[in-house]
C-alpha cells in the first residue's frame, strides 16, 4: 500500500465514522496537531478526537493530495454535521508522516476563527 493510500483509507475511515479504523491507522506514539491548538500525543488520545467531537455525519473532501517519500500532503474541505444538526465546513491543509504503513504524525492547518464562528 502506498503512503497516499494509507491517508486516503484514513480519510475514508473518518467519513465512515469508523473510529476503530481511525485508531488502527496510527502508530502508538503518533502526534496529532491541529496547528492553532495544542498537540495530542499517543494513539488512544488522537483516536478519541473524532468521537469527542460528536459528529452525526462526516464528509471530508480531498481536493488535492501529494506524496513525497514518507510525507503525504492534503488539501481538504472537512464537512461535519454535528449532533445538534449544525453544519461545519472547514478548509484544511494536512500533513501526514507515514512510518511502516501507519500515521506517525498528523498536522492540520486551518483558520481557528472559521471553525469557532461556525460552532457559535
N, C-alpha and C. Protein backbone atom coordinates (compact mmCIF):
# COMPACT_ATOMS: atom_id res chain seq x y z
N UNK A 1 0.84 -1.17 0.00
CA UNK A 1 0.00 0.00 0.00
C UNK A 1 0.89 1.24 0.00
N UNK A 2 0.57 2.21 -0.85
CA UNK A 2 1.36 3.44 -0.88
C UNK A 2 0.99 4.32 0.31
N UNK A 3 1.83 5.29 0.59
CA UNK A 3 1.54 6.24 1.66
C UNK A 3 0.27 7.04 1.34
N UNK A 4 0.07 7.37 0.07
CA UNK A 4 -1.16 8.06 -0.33
C UNK A 4 -2.37 7.20 -0.01
N UNK A 5 -2.29 5.92 -0.29
CA UNK A 5 -3.42 5.02 0.01
C UNK A 5 -3.67 4.93 1.51
N UNK A 6 -2.61 4.95 2.32
CA UNK A 6 -2.77 4.95 3.78
C UNK A 6 -3.61 6.15 4.20
N UNK A 7 -3.29 7.32 3.66
CA UNK A 7 -4.01 8.54 4.03
C UNK A 7 -5.43 8.52 3.48
N UNK A 8 -5.61 8.10 2.24
CA UNK A 8 -6.97 8.03 1.68
C UNK A 8 -7.84 7.05 2.47
N UNK A 9 -7.28 5.93 2.90
CA UNK A 9 -8.03 4.99 3.75
C UNK A 9 -8.39 5.62 5.09
N UNK A 10 -7.46 6.40 5.64
CA UNK A 10 -7.71 7.11 6.90
C UNK A 10 -8.86 8.10 6.74
N UNK A 11 -8.83 8.85 5.66
CA UNK A 11 -9.91 9.82 5.39
C UNK A 11 -11.24 9.09 5.23
N UNK A 12 -11.22 7.96 4.55
CA UNK A 12 -12.45 7.18 4.39
C UNK A 12 -12.95 6.66 5.73
N UNK A 13 -12.03 6.28 6.62
CA UNK A 13 -12.43 5.84 7.96
C UNK A 13 -13.15 6.97 8.70
N UNK A 14 -12.64 8.20 8.58
CA UNK A 14 -13.33 9.35 9.17
C UNK A 14 -14.71 9.51 8.55
N UNK A 15 -14.79 9.44 7.21
CA UNK A 15 -16.08 9.61 6.54
C UNK A 15 -17.08 8.54 6.97
N UNK A 16 -16.59 7.34 7.25
CA UNK A 16 -17.46 6.26 7.72
C UNK A 16 -17.69 6.31 9.22
N UNK A 17 -17.02 7.25 9.89
CA UNK A 17 -17.04 7.34 11.35
C UNK A 17 -16.68 5.98 11.97
N UNK A 18 -15.70 5.33 11.36
CA UNK A 18 -15.18 4.05 11.82
C UNK A 18 -14.01 4.35 12.74
N UNK A 19 -14.31 4.64 13.99
CA UNK A 19 -13.29 5.11 14.93
C UNK A 19 -12.26 4.04 15.22
N UNK A 20 -12.60 2.77 15.13
CA UNK A 20 -11.61 1.70 15.31
C UNK A 20 -10.59 1.73 14.17
N UNK A 21 -11.04 1.96 12.95
CA UNK A 21 -10.12 2.05 11.81
C UNK A 21 -9.26 3.30 11.90
N UNK A 22 -9.83 4.39 12.40
CA UNK A 22 -9.05 5.61 12.61
C UNK A 22 -7.92 5.32 13.59
N UNK A 23 -8.24 4.69 14.71
CA UNK A 23 -7.22 4.37 15.71
C UNK A 23 -6.17 3.41 15.14
N UNK A 24 -6.61 2.44 14.37
CA UNK A 24 -5.69 1.46 13.81
C UNK A 24 -4.70 2.08 12.82
N UNK A 25 -5.05 3.23 12.26
CA UNK A 25 -4.18 3.90 11.28
C UNK A 25 -2.96 4.55 11.93
N UNK A 26 -2.97 4.72 13.26
CA UNK A 26 -1.91 5.44 13.96
C UNK A 26 -0.84 4.51 14.51
N UNK A 27 0.41 5.04 14.60
CA UNK A 27 1.43 4.39 15.41
C UNK A 27 1.10 4.64 16.88
N UNK A 28 1.69 3.87 17.76
CA UNK A 28 1.44 4.06 19.20
C UNK A 28 1.83 5.45 19.67
N UNK A 29 2.90 6.02 19.09
CA UNK A 29 3.44 7.30 19.55
C UNK A 29 3.06 8.46 18.63
N UNK A 30 1.96 8.33 17.90
CA UNK A 30 1.53 9.38 16.98
C UNK A 30 1.43 10.73 17.68
N UNK A 31 1.70 11.78 16.92
CA UNK A 31 1.46 13.15 17.38
C UNK A 31 0.48 13.77 16.41
N UNK A 32 -0.67 14.20 16.92
CA UNK A 32 -1.70 14.85 16.12
C UNK A 32 -1.75 16.30 16.56
N UNK A 33 -1.59 17.20 15.60
CA UNK A 33 -1.53 18.62 15.94
C UNK A 33 -2.43 19.44 15.01
N UNK A 34 -3.53 19.90 15.54
CA UNK A 34 -4.31 20.95 14.89
C UNK A 34 -3.54 22.22 15.21
N UNK A 35 -2.89 22.78 14.22
CA UNK A 35 -1.88 23.80 14.46
C UNK A 35 -2.36 24.98 15.32
N UNK A 36 -3.60 25.43 15.24
CA UNK A 36 -3.97 26.51 16.15
C UNK A 36 -4.11 26.07 17.61
N UNK A 37 -4.02 24.77 17.87
CA UNK A 37 -4.26 24.23 19.21
C UNK A 37 -3.02 23.49 19.70
N UNK A 38 -3.10 22.91 20.87
CA UNK A 38 -2.00 22.13 21.43
C UNK A 38 -1.96 20.75 20.78
N UNK A 39 -0.76 20.17 20.60
CA UNK A 39 -0.67 18.82 20.03
C UNK A 39 -1.22 17.76 20.97
N UNK A 40 -1.64 16.65 20.38
CA UNK A 40 -2.15 15.50 21.12
C UNK A 40 -1.16 14.36 20.88
N UNK A 41 -0.76 13.70 21.94
CA UNK A 41 0.25 12.64 21.87
C UNK A 41 -0.38 11.29 22.17
N UNK A 42 -0.04 10.30 21.35
CA UNK A 42 -0.45 8.93 21.60
C UNK A 42 -1.68 8.50 20.82
N UNK A 43 -1.69 7.23 20.51
CA UNK A 43 -2.72 6.63 19.67
C UNK A 43 -4.13 6.79 20.26
N UNK A 44 -4.30 6.44 21.52
CA UNK A 44 -5.63 6.50 22.13
C UNK A 44 -6.16 7.92 22.18
N UNK A 45 -5.30 8.87 22.54
CA UNK A 45 -5.73 10.27 22.64
C UNK A 45 -6.09 10.83 21.27
N UNK A 46 -5.28 10.52 20.26
CA UNK A 46 -5.56 11.01 18.91
C UNK A 46 -6.84 10.39 18.36
N UNK A 47 -7.06 9.11 18.64
CA UNK A 47 -8.25 8.43 18.15
C UNK A 47 -9.53 8.91 18.83
N UNK A 48 -9.40 9.47 20.02
CA UNK A 48 -10.57 9.93 20.76
C UNK A 48 -11.13 11.24 20.23
N UNK A 49 -10.39 11.94 19.38
CA UNK A 49 -10.82 13.26 18.88
C UNK A 49 -12.14 13.17 18.12
N UNK A 50 -12.25 12.22 17.20
CA UNK A 50 -13.47 12.10 16.40
C UNK A 50 -14.70 11.87 17.24
N UNK A 51 -14.72 10.83 18.07
CA UNK A 51 -15.90 10.60 18.90
C UNK A 51 -16.19 11.77 19.85
N UNK A 52 -15.14 12.42 20.35
CA UNK A 52 -15.33 13.54 21.28
C UNK A 52 -16.03 14.73 20.61
N UNK A 53 -15.79 14.89 19.31
CA UNK A 53 -16.46 15.97 18.57
C UNK A 53 -17.96 15.73 18.50
N UNK A 54 -18.36 14.47 18.50
CA UNK A 54 -19.77 14.12 18.46
C UNK A 54 -20.47 14.37 17.13
N UNK A 55 -19.80 14.09 16.00
CA UNK A 55 -20.49 14.35 14.74
C UNK A 55 -21.59 13.32 14.46
N UNK A 56 -22.61 13.77 13.76
CA UNK A 56 -23.64 12.86 13.26
C UNK A 56 -23.25 12.35 11.88
N UNK A 57 -22.55 13.22 11.11
CA UNK A 57 -22.06 12.86 9.78
C UNK A 57 -20.70 13.51 9.56
N UNK A 58 -19.86 12.84 8.78
CA UNK A 58 -18.55 13.37 8.39
C UNK A 58 -18.40 13.18 6.89
N UNK A 59 -17.93 14.22 6.22
CA UNK A 59 -17.64 14.13 4.78
C UNK A 59 -16.42 14.99 4.48
N UNK A 60 -15.25 14.35 4.53
CA UNK A 60 -14.02 15.05 4.17
C UNK A 60 -13.82 14.90 2.67
N UNK A 61 -13.71 16.01 1.99
CA UNK A 61 -13.49 16.01 0.55
C UNK A 61 -12.03 16.33 0.28
N UNK A 62 -11.33 15.42 -0.37
CA UNK A 62 -9.93 15.63 -0.72
C UNK A 62 -9.86 16.34 -2.06
N UNK A 63 -9.36 17.57 -2.05
CA UNK A 63 -9.25 18.36 -3.28
C UNK A 63 -7.95 18.04 -4.01
N UNK A 64 -6.86 17.93 -3.24
CA UNK A 64 -5.55 17.62 -3.81
C UNK A 64 -4.79 16.76 -2.81
N UNK A 65 -3.92 15.90 -3.35
CA UNK A 65 -3.10 15.05 -2.49
C UNK A 65 -1.76 14.85 -3.20
N UNK A 66 -0.69 14.92 -2.43
CA UNK A 66 0.65 14.76 -3.00
C UNK A 66 1.50 13.95 -2.02
N UNK A 67 2.35 13.11 -2.57
CA UNK A 67 3.23 12.26 -1.76
C UNK A 67 4.68 12.55 -2.13
N UNK A 68 5.51 12.70 -1.11
CA UNK A 68 6.95 12.85 -1.29
C UNK A 68 7.62 12.02 -0.21
N UNK A 69 8.11 10.86 -0.59
CA UNK A 69 8.72 9.97 0.40
C UNK A 69 7.68 9.51 1.41
N UNK A 70 7.97 9.70 2.68
CA UNK A 70 7.05 9.26 3.72
C UNK A 70 6.04 10.35 4.12
N UNK A 71 5.97 11.45 3.37
CA UNK A 71 5.07 12.55 3.70
C UNK A 71 3.98 12.66 2.64
N UNK A 72 2.74 12.79 3.12
CA UNK A 72 1.59 12.98 2.24
C UNK A 72 0.92 14.30 2.64
N UNK A 73 0.71 15.16 1.64
CA UNK A 73 0.05 16.45 1.86
C UNK A 73 -1.35 16.40 1.27
N UNK A 74 -2.30 16.96 1.99
CA UNK A 74 -3.67 17.01 1.51
C UNK A 74 -4.21 18.43 1.59
N UNK A 75 -5.02 18.76 0.61
CA UNK A 75 -5.88 19.94 0.67
C UNK A 75 -7.29 19.40 0.72
N UNK A 76 -8.02 19.76 1.78
CA UNK A 76 -9.34 19.16 2.01
C UNK A 76 -10.36 20.23 2.39
N UNK A 77 -11.61 19.83 2.25
CA UNK A 77 -12.71 20.52 2.91
C UNK A 77 -13.30 19.49 3.87
N UNK A 78 -13.18 19.77 5.16
CA UNK A 78 -13.71 18.85 6.17
C UNK A 78 -15.11 19.32 6.55
N UNK A 79 -16.10 18.52 6.19
CA UNK A 79 -17.50 18.83 6.45
C UNK A 79 -18.02 17.93 7.56
N UNK A 80 -18.77 18.53 8.46
CA UNK A 80 -19.37 17.80 9.57
C UNK A 80 -20.82 18.25 9.74
N UNK A 81 -21.68 17.33 10.09
CA UNK A 81 -22.99 17.65 10.66
C UNK A 81 -22.89 17.19 12.11
N UNK A 82 -23.04 18.14 13.01
CA UNK A 82 -22.88 17.84 14.43
C UNK A 82 -24.16 17.23 14.99
N UNK A 83 -24.08 16.69 16.20
CA UNK A 83 -25.22 16.01 16.81
C UNK A 83 -26.42 16.94 16.97
N UNK A 84 -26.18 18.25 17.05
CA UNK A 84 -27.28 19.21 17.17
C UNK A 84 -27.83 19.63 15.80
N UNK A 85 -27.31 19.03 14.72
CA UNK A 85 -27.77 19.34 13.37
C UNK A 85 -27.02 20.48 12.70
N UNK A 86 -26.15 21.14 13.43
CA UNK A 86 -25.39 22.26 12.88
C UNK A 86 -24.30 21.75 11.94
N UNK A 87 -24.15 22.40 10.78
CA UNK A 87 -23.14 22.02 9.82
C UNK A 87 -21.87 22.85 9.96
N UNK A 88 -20.73 22.22 9.74
CA UNK A 88 -19.43 22.88 9.73
C UNK A 88 -18.73 22.51 8.43
N UNK A 89 -18.03 23.47 7.85
CA UNK A 89 -17.26 23.22 6.65
C UNK A 89 -15.95 24.00 6.79
N UNK A 90 -14.83 23.26 6.91
CA UNK A 90 -13.55 23.87 7.24
C UNK A 90 -12.53 23.54 6.14
N UNK A 91 -11.97 24.56 5.47
CA UNK A 91 -10.84 24.31 4.56
C UNK A 91 -9.60 23.94 5.39
N UNK A 92 -8.91 22.86 4.99
CA UNK A 92 -7.80 22.33 5.77
C UNK A 92 -6.65 21.94 4.84
N UNK A 93 -5.43 22.24 5.26
CA UNK A 93 -4.23 21.66 4.66
C UNK A 93 -3.68 20.68 5.69
N UNK A 94 -3.45 19.45 5.27
CA UNK A 94 -3.00 18.43 6.20
C UNK A 94 -1.67 17.82 5.77
N UNK A 95 -0.84 17.51 6.75
CA UNK A 95 0.43 16.83 6.53
C UNK A 95 0.43 15.55 7.34
N UNK A 96 0.74 14.45 6.67
CA UNK A 96 0.79 13.14 7.30
C UNK A 96 2.17 12.55 7.09
N UNK A 97 2.82 12.13 8.18
CA UNK A 97 4.08 11.42 8.09
C UNK A 97 3.81 9.95 8.36
N UNK A 98 4.21 9.11 7.42
CA UNK A 98 3.91 7.68 7.48
C UNK A 98 5.16 6.90 7.85
N UNK A 99 4.99 5.93 8.74
CA UNK A 99 6.08 5.03 9.14
C UNK A 99 5.54 3.61 9.15
N UNK A 100 6.11 2.76 8.30
CA UNK A 100 5.71 1.35 8.21
C UNK A 100 4.20 1.19 8.06
N UNK A 101 3.62 2.00 7.18
CA UNK A 101 2.20 1.88 6.86
C UNK A 101 1.24 2.49 7.86
N UNK A 102 1.76 3.22 8.85
CA UNK A 102 0.92 3.85 9.88
C UNK A 102 1.23 5.34 9.93
N UNK A 103 0.26 6.12 10.41
CA UNK A 103 0.44 7.56 10.56
C UNK A 103 1.18 7.83 11.86
N UNK A 104 2.37 8.42 11.74
CA UNK A 104 3.21 8.74 12.90
C UNK A 104 3.02 10.19 13.34
N UNK A 105 2.73 11.05 12.38
CA UNK A 105 2.48 12.46 12.69
C UNK A 105 1.39 12.96 11.75
N UNK A 106 0.49 13.76 12.31
CA UNK A 106 -0.62 14.33 11.53
C UNK A 106 -0.79 15.78 11.99
N UNK A 107 -0.59 16.69 11.04
CA UNK A 107 -0.76 18.11 11.33
C UNK A 107 -1.81 18.68 10.38
N UNK A 108 -2.79 19.34 10.94
CA UNK A 108 -3.80 20.03 10.13
C UNK A 108 -3.68 21.52 10.38
N UNK A 109 -3.68 22.27 9.28
CA UNK A 109 -3.57 23.72 9.31
C UNK A 109 -4.90 24.29 8.84
N UNK A 110 -5.54 25.07 9.69
CA UNK A 110 -6.81 25.68 9.34
C UNK A 110 -6.98 26.96 10.14
N UNK A 111 -7.95 27.75 9.74
CA UNK A 111 -8.23 29.01 10.44
C UNK A 111 -9.18 28.74 11.60
N UNK A 112 -8.69 28.93 12.82
CA UNK A 112 -9.48 28.66 14.01
C UNK A 112 -10.73 29.52 14.05
N UNK A 113 -10.65 30.76 13.58
CA UNK A 113 -11.82 31.65 13.59
C UNK A 113 -12.93 31.11 12.68
N UNK A 114 -12.56 30.49 11.56
CA UNK A 114 -13.57 29.89 10.68
C UNK A 114 -14.28 28.77 11.43
N UNK A 115 -13.53 27.97 12.16
CA UNK A 115 -14.11 26.87 12.94
C UNK A 115 -15.01 27.40 14.05
N UNK A 116 -14.49 28.30 14.87
CA UNK A 116 -15.25 28.77 16.03
C UNK A 116 -16.49 29.56 15.63
N UNK A 117 -16.41 30.32 14.53
CA UNK A 117 -17.59 31.09 14.11
C UNK A 117 -18.73 30.15 13.68
N UNK A 118 -18.38 29.00 13.12
CA UNK A 118 -19.41 28.05 12.70
C UNK A 118 -19.94 27.24 13.89
N UNK A 119 -19.15 27.15 14.95
CA UNK A 119 -19.58 26.42 16.15
C UNK A 119 -20.53 27.28 17.00
N UNK A 120 -20.45 28.60 16.84
CA UNK A 120 -21.26 29.51 17.68
C UNK A 120 -22.74 29.35 17.40
